[in-house]
Each structure stands twice: as structure tokens, then as C-alpha cells.
Amino acid sequence: MITAIVLIKTSVDRIPEIAESIAALDSVSEVFSVTGTYDLIAMVRVRAHDDLAEVIPGRISKIPGVEATDTHVAFRTYSQHDLEAAFAIGLDS
């Protein structure tokens, strides 16, 4: 699974509607409204790199009110959940 973090600039007066439209897309797992240079951050998860082109410029960028995107592809994912599972291997409960 490939994870992309998409930083999104939007029309400020339509942030909630744009966020809901992005969140409704199949490959988008979460959308965060944030402070700073960007208005939204979307987490996109796809099976192949080619799928990123379909989702980000093909769908997200075409949503009315989306002004710009900046995409970062994750090399590896680390999470507290993964660490806890790794340390629990072989331990009796």
C-alpha cells in the first residue's frame, strides 16, 4: 500500500464543503483541516504509484475550490500501533 500526504490550498470560504468532497473519494482515508500555509491535509492510500495520478490530479485537484496541492509520498509508515504489536510478539498475556 502506498501512502501519500497531500497538502491542499483551498478557497477559504468553502473549506468544510471541499474537505467533505475530498473525504468522500475512495482512496482518501482522512482529511484534516489545519492551520498554517495549507488549509487541508488529505491522507491518500493506493495500491500502485500510477493510482496517485488518478486520485490527486485526476480527482482532488478537480474539486471546485481546490487551488493547489503539494504531495509527499511516504517511504515507510511508523505508528504507535505498529510498535506495540512488534513488542508484543511472543509475550503471553
C-alpha atoms as a PDB file:
ATOM      1  CA  MET A   1       0.000   0.000   0.000  1.00  0.00           C
ATOM      2  CA  ILE A   2       1.335   3.437  -0.942  1.00  0.00           C
ATOM      3  CA  THR A   3       0.535   6.395   1.306  1.00  0.00           C
ATOM      4  CA  ALA A   4       0.610   9.982   0.102  1.00  0.00           C
ATOM      5  CA  ILE A   5       0.192  13.051   2.279  1.00  0.00           C
ATOM      6  CA  VAL A   6      -1.481  15.762   0.199  1.00  0.00           C
ATOM      7  CA  LEU A   7      -1.250  19.375   1.399  1.00  0.00           C
ATOM      8  CA  ILE A   8      -4.126  21.355  -0.099  1.00  0.00           C
ATOM      9  CA  LYS A   9      -4.808  25.079  -0.537  1.00  0.00           C
ATOM     10  CA  THR A  10      -8.481  25.917  -0.968  1.00  0.00           C
ATOM     11  CA  SER A  11     -10.940  28.762  -1.199  1.00  0.00           C
ATOM     12  CA  VAL A  12     -11.078  29.717   2.471  1.00  0.00           C
ATOM     13  CA  ASP A  13     -14.823  30.317   2.486  1.00  0.00           C
ATOM     14  CA  ARG A  14     -15.508  26.723   1.323  1.00  0.00           C
ATOM     15  CA  ILE A  15     -13.106  24.643   3.466  1.00  0.00           C
ATOM     16  CA  PRO A  16     -15.780  22.397   5.085  1.00  0.00           C
ATOM     17  CA  GLU A  17     -17.516  21.599   1.775  1.00  0.00           C
ATOM     18  CA  ILE A  18     -14.227  20.941  -0.015  1.00  0.00           C
ATOM     19  CA  ALA A  19     -12.997  18.735   2.850  1.00  0.00           C
ATOM     20  CA  GLU A  20     -16.200  16.671   2.694  1.00  0.00           C
ATOM     21  CA  SER A  21     -15.875  16.256  -1.085  1.00  0.00           C
ATOM     22  CA  ILE A  22     -12.269  15.086  -0.747  1.00  0.00           C
ATOM     23  CA  ALA A  23     -13.109  12.739   2.149  1.00  0.00           C
ATOM     24  CA  ALA A  24     -15.805  11.100   0.013  1.00  0.00           C
ATOM     25  CA  LEU A  25     -13.226   9.909  -2.553  1.00  0.00           C
ATOM     26  CA  ASP A  26     -12.462   6.166  -2.421  1.00  0.00           C
ATOM     27  CA  SER A  27      -8.698   6.324  -1.867  1.00  0.00           C
ATOM     28  CA  VAL A  28      -8.811   9.109   0.728  1.00  0.00           C
ATOM     29  CA  SER A  29      -8.703   7.756   4.283  1.00  0.00           C
ATOM     30  CA  GLU A  30      -8.686  11.043   6.243  1.00  0.00           C
ATOM     31  CA  VAL A  31      -8.898  14.780   5.660  1.00  0.00           C
ATOM     32  CA  PHE A  32      -7.686  17.244   8.291  1.00  0.00           C
ATOM     33  CA  SER A  33      -8.489  20.956   8.462  1.00  0.00           C
ATOM     34  CA  VAL A  34      -5.263  22.602   9.649  1.00  0.00           C
ATOM     35  CA  THR A  35      -3.633  25.931  10.412  1.00  0.00           C
ATOM     36  CA  GLY A  36      -0.667  27.285   8.506  1.00  0.00           C
ATOM     37  CA  THR A  37       0.171  27.648   4.840  1.00  0.00           C
ATOM     38  CA  TYR A  38      -2.263  24.933   3.745  1.00  0.00           C
ATOM     39  CA  ASP A  39      -5.954  24.597   4.573  1.00  0.00           C
ATOM     40  CA  LEU A  40      -6.363  20.821   4.392  1.00  0.00           C
ATOM     41  CA  ILE A  41      -4.227  17.694   4.601  1.00  0.00           C
ATOM     42  CA  ALA A  42      -5.507  14.511   2.982  1.00  0.00           C
ATOM     43  CA  MET A  43      -4.158  11.011   3.505  1.00  0.00           C
ATOM     44  CA  VAL A  44      -4.355   9.039   0.258  1.00  0.00           C
ATOM     45  CA  ARG A  45      -3.753   5.296   0.205  1.00  0.00           C
ATOM     46  CA  VAL A  46      -3.463   3.410  -3.101  1.00  0.00           C
ATOM     47  CA  ARG A  47      -2.052   0.102  -4.329  1.00  0.00           C
ATOM     48  CA  ALA A  48       0.215   1.465  -7.096  1.00  0.00           C
ATOM     49  CA  HIS A  49       2.073   4.709  -7.861  1.00  0.00           C
ATOM     50  CA  ASP A  50       0.067   5.148 -11.061  1.00  0.00           C
ATOM     51  CA  ASP A  51      -3.098   5.307  -8.959  1.00  0.00           C
ATOM     52  CA  LEU A  52      -1.806   8.501  -7.320  1.00  0.00           C
ATOM     53  CA  ALA A  53      -2.150  10.319 -10.652  1.00  0.00           C
ATOM     54  CA  GLU A  54      -5.768   9.222 -10.905  1.00  0.00           C
ATOM     55  CA  VAL A  55      -6.633  10.336  -7.372  1.00  0.00           C
ATOM     56  CA  ILE A  56      -4.631  13.549  -6.815  1.00  0.00           C
ATOM     57  CA  PRO A  57      -4.553  15.499 -10.099  1.00  0.00           C
ATOM     58  CA  GLY A  58      -7.403  13.425 -11.538  1.00  0.00           C
ATOM     59  CA  ARG A  59      -9.944  13.902  -8.736  1.00  0.00           C
ATOM     60  CA  ILE A  60      -8.746  16.037  -5.796  1.00  0.00           C
ATOM     61  CA  SER A  61      -7.392  18.891  -7.928  1.00  0.00           C
ATOM     62  CA  LYS A  62     -10.609  18.995  -9.972  1.00  0.00           C
ATOM     63  CA  ILE A  63     -12.859  19.625  -6.980  1.00  0.00           C
ATOM     64  CA  PRO A  64     -14.184  23.194  -7.235  1.00  0.00           C
ATOM     65  CA  GLY A  65     -12.353  25.397  -4.730  1.00  0.00           C
ATOM     66  CA  VAL A  66      -9.114  23.377  -4.640  1.00  0.00           C
ATOM     67  CA  GLU A  67      -6.441  25.905  -5.624  1.00  0.00           C
ATOM     68  CA  ALA A  68      -3.184  23.928  -5.247  1.00  0.00           C
ATOM     69  CA  THR A  69      -1.791  20.648  -3.934  1.00  0.00           C
ATOM     70  CA  ASP A  70       1.629  19.574  -2.678  1.00  0.00           C
ATOM     71  CA  THR A  71       2.077  15.798  -2.482  1.00  0.00           C
ATOM     72  CA  HIS A  72       4.521  13.850  -0.310  1.00  0.00           C
ATOM     73  CA  VAL A  73       4.826  10.081  -0.791  1.00  0.00           C
ATOM     74  CA  ALA A  74       5.724   8.075   2.310  1.00  0.00           C
ATOM     75  CA  PHE A  75       8.694   5.687   2.099  1.00  0.00           C
ATOM     76  CA  ARG A  76       7.739   3.855   5.278  1.00  0.00           C
ATOM     77  CA  THR A  77       4.988   4.166   7.869  1.00  0.00           C
ATOM     78  CA  TYR A  78       5.591   4.158  11.618  1.00  0.00           C
ATOM     79  CA  SER A  79       2.833   4.259  14.192  1.00  0.00           C
ATOM     80  CA  GLN A  80       2.390   3.608  17.882  1.00  0.00           C
ATOM     81  CA  HIS A  81       0.056   0.742  16.989  1.00  0.00           C
ATOM     82  CA  ASP A  82       2.756  -0.944  14.875  1.00  0.00           C
ATOM     83  CA  LEU A  83       5.368  -0.562  17.631  1.00  0.00           C
ATOM     84  CA  GLU A  84       3.091  -2.043  20.286  1.00  0.00           C
ATOM     85  CA  ALA A  85       2.325  -5.053  18.055  1.00  0.00           C
ATOM     86  CA  ALA A  86       6.035  -5.637  17.364  1.00  0.00           C
ATOM     87  CA  PHE A  87       6.949  -5.604  21.056  1.00  0.00           C
ATOM     88  CA  ALA A  88       4.035  -7.890  21.937  1.00  0.00           C
ATOM     89  CA  ILE A  89       5.253 -10.727  19.676  1.00  0.00           C
ATOM     90  CA  GLY A  90       5.956 -13.807  21.740  1.00  0.00           C
ATOM     91  CA  LEU A  91       4.666 -12.379  25.013  1.00  0.00           C
ATOM     92  CA  ASP A  92       1.980 -14.186  26.968  1.00  0.00           C
ATOM     93  CA  SER A  93      -0.955 -12.080  28.064  1.00  0.00           C
END
